[in-house]
């Protein structure tokens, strides 16, 4: 069960990282998935990865916060369709 949790956490982390440019919310999902991966590695006893993933989670939260302030809560602009 622990391996399944870790696999899901890492999969979500990788997917959200690849989608970060689309929305600020993917940055927040990445932060949560990094925290979940950190938790998994702590339970598995892999403490260097625990520390690294915890740091990534904090960095991602800071990036989300900065992006949230920069973008605000306005909906994304729709690009003009070319004829």
Protein backbone atom coordinates (compact mmCIF):
# COMPACT_ATOMS: atom_id res chain seq x y z
CA UNK A 1 0.00 0.00 0.00
CA UNK A 2 2.89 2.35 0.75
CA UNK A 3 4.37 1.74 -2.70
CA UNK A 4 1.03 2.53 -4.33
CA UNK A 5 0.80 5.79 -2.38
CA UNK A 6 4.33 6.75 -3.43
CA UNK A 7 3.70 5.86 -7.06
CA UNK A 8 0.54 7.96 -7.18
CA UNK A 9 2.24 10.90 -5.43
CA UNK A 10 5.20 10.89 -7.82
CA UNK A 11 2.91 10.51 -10.86
CA UNK A 12 0.80 13.49 -9.81
CA UNK A 13 3.96 15.47 -9.10
CA UNK A 14 5.39 14.78 -12.57
CA UNK A 15 2.10 15.48 -14.35
CA UNK A 16 1.44 18.73 -12.51
CA UNK A 17 5.02 19.88 -13.12
CA UNK A 18 4.59 19.38 -16.85
CA UNK A 19 1.33 21.38 -16.78
CA UNK A 20 2.52 24.30 -14.61
CA UNK A 21 2.62 26.75 -17.51
CA UNK A 22 -1.14 26.32 -18.07
CA UNK A 23 -2.36 27.43 -14.65
CA UNK A 24 -1.11 28.61 -11.29
CA UNK A 25 -3.21 25.86 -9.72
CA UNK A 26 -0.92 23.19 -11.16
CA UNK A 27 1.91 24.79 -9.17
CA UNK A 28 -0.15 24.30 -6.01
CA UNK A 29 -0.92 20.70 -6.98
CA UNK A 30 2.81 20.18 -7.54
CA UNK A 31 3.47 21.51 -4.02
CA UNK A 32 0.94 19.10 -2.53
CA UNK A 33 2.31 16.16 -4.51
CA UNK A 34 5.85 17.04 -3.40
CA UNK A 35 4.66 17.05 0.21
CA UNK A 36 3.00 13.66 -0.35
CA UNK A 37 6.22 12.30 -1.87
CA UNK A 38 8.12 13.64 1.12
CA UNK A 39 5.70 11.86 3.44
CA UNK A 40 6.05 8.63 1.46
CA UNK A 41 9.85 8.74 1.59
CA UNK A 42 9.76 9.42 5.34
CA UNK A 43 7.61 6.34 5.91
CA UNK A 44 9.92 4.35 3.63
CA UNK A 45 12.95 5.55 5.62
CA UNK A 46 14.59 7.39 2.73
CA UNK A 47 15.40 10.56 4.64
CA UNK A 48 17.52 12.44 2.07
CA UNK A 49 14.58 12.32 -0.37
CA UNK A 50 12.25 13.39 2.45
CA UNK A 51 14.27 16.57 2.94
CA UNK A 52 14.64 17.28 -0.79
CA UNK A 53 10.92 16.86 -1.48
CA UNK A 54 10.00 19.00 1.54
CA UNK A 55 12.23 21.76 0.18
CA UNK A 56 10.63 21.43 -3.27
CA UNK A 57 7.22 21.71 -1.65
CA UNK A 58 8.14 24.96 0.12
CA UNK A 59 9.64 26.38 -3.08
CA UNK A 60 6.50 25.47 -5.03
CA UNK A 61 4.27 27.13 -2.43
CA UNK A 62 6.37 30.30 -2.74
CA UNK A 63 6.11 30.13 -6.55
CA UNK A 64 2.34 29.65 -6.33
CA UNK A 65 2.02 32.59 -3.95
CA UNK A 66 4.06 34.88 -6.22
CA UNK A 67 2.16 33.77 -9.30
CA UNK A 68 -1.20 34.15 -7.53
CA UNK A 69 -0.34 37.73 -6.56
CA UNK A 70 0.93 38.50 -10.07
CA UNK A 71 -2.03 37.00 -11.91
CA UNK A 72 -4.70 37.79 -9.35
CA UNK A 73 -8.01 36.08 -9.71
CA UNK A 74 -8.71 37.30 -13.23
CA UNK A 75 -9.62 34.63 -15.78
CA UNK A 76 -6.95 33.95 -18.37
CA UNK A 77 -7.22 35.98 -21.56
CA UNK A 78 -8.44 34.16 -24.62
CA UNK A 79 -6.05 34.33 -27.57
CA UNK A 80 -7.48 35.80 -30.74
CA UNK A 81 -8.35 33.25 -33.37
CA UNK A 82 -6.53 33.72 -36.63
CA UNK A 83 -8.53 33.47 -39.83
